[in-house]
C-alpha atoms as a PDB file:
ATOM      1  CA  MET A   1      -0.068  -0.070  -0.071  1.00  0.00           C
ATOM      2  CA  ALA A   2       2.853   2.383   0.522  1.00  0.00           C
ATOM      3  CA  SER A   3       3.747   2.394  -3.001  1.00  0.00           C
ATOM      4  CA  VAL A   4       0.220   3.296  -3.974  1.00  0.00           C
ATOM      5  CA  VAL A   5      -0.656   6.125  -1.444  1.00  0.00           C
ATOM      6  CA  ALA A   6       2.017   8.783  -1.164  1.00  0.00           C
ATOM      7  CA  SER A   7       1.944  12.312   0.641  1.00  0.00           C
ATOM      8  CA  GLY A   8       5.243  13.693   1.444  1.00  0.00           C
ATOM      9  CA  GLU A   9       7.267  16.293  -0.273  1.00  0.00           C
ATOM     10  CA  GLY A  10       9.578  13.608  -1.888  1.00  0.00           C
ATOM     11  CA  ALA A  11       6.701  11.765  -3.541  1.00  0.00           C
ATOM     12  CA  ALA A  12       6.661  11.218  -7.289  1.00  0.00           C
ATOM     13  CA  PRO A  13       4.543  13.752  -9.285  1.00  0.00           C
ATOM     14  CA  VAL A  14       1.136  12.451 -10.415  1.00  0.00           C
ATOM     15  CA  ARG A  15      -0.788  13.277 -13.546  1.00  0.00           C
ATOM     16  CA  VAL A  16      -4.079  15.031 -13.069  1.00  0.00           C
ATOM     17  CA  ASP A  17      -5.897  12.625 -15.262  1.00  0.00           C
ATOM     18  CA  SER A  18      -4.550   9.637 -13.334  1.00  0.00           C
ATOM     19  CA  TRP A  19      -5.297  11.322  -9.946  1.00  0.00           C
ATOM     20  CA  ILE A  20      -8.960  12.223 -10.775  1.00  0.00           C
ATOM     21  CA  TRP A  21      -9.258   8.455 -11.985  1.00  0.00           C
ATOM     22  CA  SER A  22      -7.507   7.155  -8.762  1.00  0.00           C
ATOM     23  CA  VAL A  23      -9.663   8.987  -6.336  1.00  0.00           C
ATOM     24  CA  ARG A  24     -12.932   7.898  -8.317  1.00  0.00           C
ATOM     25  CA  LEU A  25     -14.099  11.091  -9.714  1.00  0.00           C
ATOM     26  CA  THR A  26     -14.256   9.538 -13.278  1.00  0.00           C
ATOM     27  CA  LYS A  27     -15.180   5.910 -13.868  1.00  0.00           C
ATOM     28  CA  THR A  28     -12.238   5.286 -16.370  1.00  0.00           C
ATOM     29  CA  ARG A  29      -8.850   6.788 -17.030  1.00  0.00           C
ATOM     30  CA  SER A  30      -9.775   7.415 -20.681  1.00  0.00           C
ATOM     31  CA  ALA A  31     -12.848   9.458 -19.479  1.00  0.00           C
ATOM     32  CA  ALA A  32     -10.478  11.355 -17.238  1.00  0.00           C
ATOM     33  CA  GLY A  33      -8.184  12.146 -20.135  1.00  0.00           C
ATOM     34  CA  ALA A  34     -10.983  13.157 -22.399  1.00  0.00           C
ATOM     35  CA  ALA A  35     -12.299  15.381 -19.567  1.00  0.00           C
ATOM     36  CA  CYS A  36      -9.102  17.143 -19.534  1.00  0.00           C
ATOM     37  CA  ARG A  37      -8.732  17.494 -23.207  1.00  0.00           C
ATOM     38  CA  ALA A  38     -12.284  18.920 -23.453  1.00  0.00           C
ATOM     39  CA  GLY A  39     -11.648  21.687 -20.950  1.00  0.00           C
ATOM     40  CA  HIS A  40     -13.604  20.200 -18.165  1.00  0.00           C
ATOM     41  CA  VAL A  41     -10.692  19.939 -15.585  1.00  0.00           C
ATOM     42  CA  ARG A  42      -9.237  22.965 -14.014  1.00  0.00           C
ATOM     43  CA  VAL A  43      -6.180  22.943 -11.576  1.00  0.00           C
ATOM     44  CA  ASN A  44      -5.971  26.129  -9.411  1.00  0.00           C
ATOM     45  CA  GLY A  45      -8.334  27.945 -11.903  1.00  0.00           C
ATOM     46  CA  GLU A  46      -6.185  27.145 -14.934  1.00  0.00           C
ATOM     47  CA  ARG A  47      -7.343  24.751 -17.623  1.00  0.00           C
ATOM     48  CA  ALA A  48      -5.548  21.534 -17.111  1.00  0.00           C
ATOM     49  CA  LYS A  49      -3.939  19.121 -19.813  1.00  0.00           C
ATOM     50  CA  PRO A  50      -4.025  15.278 -18.962  1.00  0.00           C
ATOM     51  CA  ALA A  51      -0.272  15.357 -18.325  1.00  0.00           C
ATOM     52  CA  GLN A  52      -0.468  18.172 -15.747  1.00  0.00           C
ATOM     53  CA  THR A  53       0.892  17.458 -12.368  1.00  0.00           C
ATOM     54  CA  VAL A  54      -0.933  17.827  -9.113  1.00  0.00           C
ATOM     55  CA  ARG A  55       0.357  18.483  -5.683  1.00  0.00           C
ATOM     56  CA  PRO A  56      -1.172  18.311  -2.186  1.00  0.00           C
ATOM     57  CA  GLY A  57      -3.082  21.739  -1.746  1.00  0.00           C
ATOM     58  CA  ASP A  58      -4.055  22.097  -5.282  1.00  0.00           C
ATOM     59  CA  GLU A  59      -7.707  22.716  -6.023  1.00  0.00           C
ATOM     60  CA  VAL A  60      -9.104  20.509  -8.702  1.00  0.00           C
ATOM     61  CA  ARG A  61     -12.183  21.335 -10.451  1.00  0.00           C
ATOM     62  CA  VAL A  62     -14.065  18.503 -12.642  1.00  0.00           C
ATOM     63  CA  ARG A  63     -17.238  19.123 -14.636  1.00  0.00           C
ATOM     64  CA  LEU A  64     -19.089  15.949 -15.239  1.00  0.00           C
ATOM     65  CA  ASP A  65     -22.596  15.027 -15.855  1.00  0.00           C
ATOM     66  CA  GLY A  66     -24.028  18.578 -15.610  1.00  0.00           C
ATOM     67  CA  GLY A  67     -22.451  19.294 -12.375  1.00  0.00           C
ATOM     68  CA  GLU A  68     -19.023  20.362 -10.925  1.00  0.00           C
ATOM     69  CA  ARG A  69     -16.751  18.569  -8.322  1.00  0.00           C
ATOM     70  CA  ILE A  70     -14.567  21.015  -6.447  1.00  0.00           C
ATOM     71  CA  VAL A  71     -11.963  19.059  -4.459  1.00  0.00           C
ATOM     72  CA  VAL A  72      -8.697  19.970  -2.815  1.00  0.00           C
ATOM     73  CA  VAL A  73      -5.810  17.363  -3.044  1.00  0.00           C
ATOM     74  CA  SER A  74      -4.609  16.074   0.333  1.00  0.00           C
ATOM     75  CA  ARG A  75      -2.712  13.053  -0.604  1.00  0.00           C
ATOM     76  CA  LEU A  76      -1.099  11.875  -4.094  1.00  0.00           C
ATOM     77  CA  ILE A  77      -2.087   8.488  -5.189  1.00  0.00           C
ATOM     78  CA  SER A  78      -1.132   6.766  -8.614  1.00  0.00           C
ATOM     79  CA  LYS A  79      -3.159   3.557  -8.660  1.00  0.00           C
ATOM     80  CA  ARG A  80      -6.981   3.278  -8.328  1.00  0.00           C
ATOM     81  CA  VAL A  81      -7.964   2.232  -4.643  1.00  0.00           C
ATOM     82  CA  GLY A  82     -11.281   1.657  -2.824  1.00  0.00           C
ATOM     83  CA  ALA A  83     -13.837   4.357  -2.140  1.00  0.00           C
ATOM     84  CA  PRO A  84     -12.961   4.696   1.618  1.00  0.00           C
ATOM     85  CA  VAL A  85      -9.237   5.058   0.758  1.00  0.00           C
ATOM     86  CA  ALA A  86      -9.956   7.524  -2.066  1.00  0.00           C
ATOM     87  CA  ALA A  87     -12.181   9.604  -0.002  1.00  0.00           C
ATOM     88  CA  GLU A  88      -9.193  10.333   2.504  1.00  0.00           C
ATOM     89  CA  CYS A  89      -7.121  11.740  -0.660  1.00  0.00           C
ATOM     90  CA  TYR A  90      -8.988  14.839  -1.137  1.00  0.00           C
ATOM     91  CA  VAL A  91     -11.231  17.338   0.738  1.00  0.00           C
ATOM     92  CA  ASP A  92     -14.740  17.702  -1.192  1.00  0.00           C
ATOM     93  CA  ASN A  93     -15.686  21.622  -1.279  1.00  0.00           C
ATOM     94  CA  THR A  94     -18.475  20.953  -3.823  1.00  0.00           C
ATOM     95  CA  GLN A  95     -21.551  23.167  -3.145  1.00  0.00           C
ATOM     96  CA  GLN A  96     -24.297  21.029  -2.514  1.00  0.00           C
ATOM     97  CA  GLN A  97     -27.150  21.589  -5.008  1.00  0.00           C
ATOM     98  CA  GLY A  98     -30.680  21.374  -3.583  1.00  0.00           C
ATOM     99  CA  GLY A  99     -32.794  18.390  -4.226  1.00  0.00           C
ATOM    100  CA  ARG A 100     -35.322  18.456  -7.012  1.00  0.00           C
ATOM    101  CA  SER A 101     -37.726  21.397  -7.078  1.00  0.00           C
ATOM    102  CA  HIS A 102     -41.317  20.820  -6.771  1.00  0.00           C
ATOM    103  CA  ASP A 103     -41.819  23.724  -9.334  1.00  0.00           C
ATOM    104  CA  SER A 104     -40.346  21.553 -12.218  1.00  0.00           C
ATOM    105  CA  GLY A 105     -41.394  18.650 -13.997  1.00  0.00           C
ATOM    106  CA  ARG A 106     -44.552  16.853 -13.936  1.00  0.00           C
ATOM    107  CA  PRO A 107     -47.246  17.900 -11.362  1.00  0.00           C
ATOM    108  CA  GLU A 108     -48.139  15.614  -8.405  1.00  0.00           C
ATOM    109  CA  ARG A 109     -51.253  13.506  -8.755  1.00  0.00           C
ATOM    110  CA  GLY A 110     -54.249  15.015  -7.163  1.00  0.00           C
ATOM    111  CA  LEU A 111     -52.978  18.567  -7.561  1.00  0.00           C
ATOM    112  CA  SER A 112     -53.847  19.132 -11.079  1.00  0.00           C
ATOM    113  CA  SER A 113     -56.157  21.960 -11.845  1.00  0.00           C
ATOM    114  CA  SER A 114     -57.764  19.878 -14.776  1.00  0.00           C
ATOM    115  CA  PRO A 115     -61.583  19.684 -14.778  1.00  0.00           C
ATOM    116  CA  TRP A 116     -61.148  15.800 -15.272  1.00  0.00           C
ATOM    117  CA  SER A 117     -60.943  13.466 -12.312  1.00  0.00           C
ATOM    118  CA  GLU A 118     -58.211  10.924 -11.947  1.00  0.00           C
ATOM    119  CA  LYS A 119     -60.496   8.091 -13.316  1.00  0.00           C
ATOM    120  CA  GLY A 120     -61.031   9.866 -16.683  1.00  0.00           C
ATOM    121  CA  GLY A 121     -64.540  11.543 -16.205  1.00  0.00           C
ATOM    122  CA  PRO A 122     -65.547  14.995 -15.530  1.00  0.00           C
ATOM    123  CA  ARG A 123     -65.272  16.079 -11.913  1.00  0.00           C
ATOM    124  CA  SER A 124     -68.303  16.599  -9.846  1.00  0.00           C
ATOM    125  CA  GLY A 125     -68.743  19.541  -7.717  1.00  0.00           C
END
């Protein structure tokens, strides 16, 4: 395990695409590289190429699936690890988006202003 997780000053540099895959922010390494090439990854506010290195303390922003994850690197890892170990390698500063709004989407049953009842006939009353 010592060869996988490193955090000291003498630790080998880790590529940003490898790191975001290792800490499970993307499902595959190729998806991590593609996100970097598409401009969806920023390190300390600057657009990151896949080979850019990260260090502890760097802020990494990854835009995925319509949302953005904002994490600060706390440990460098070069190989993919289990979720509990991966969660220890960064501090998640992502702003939590509220749940689904009740104003959007299909209205709930029984709250319709339609003149028809739920059974298909006109409402009485």
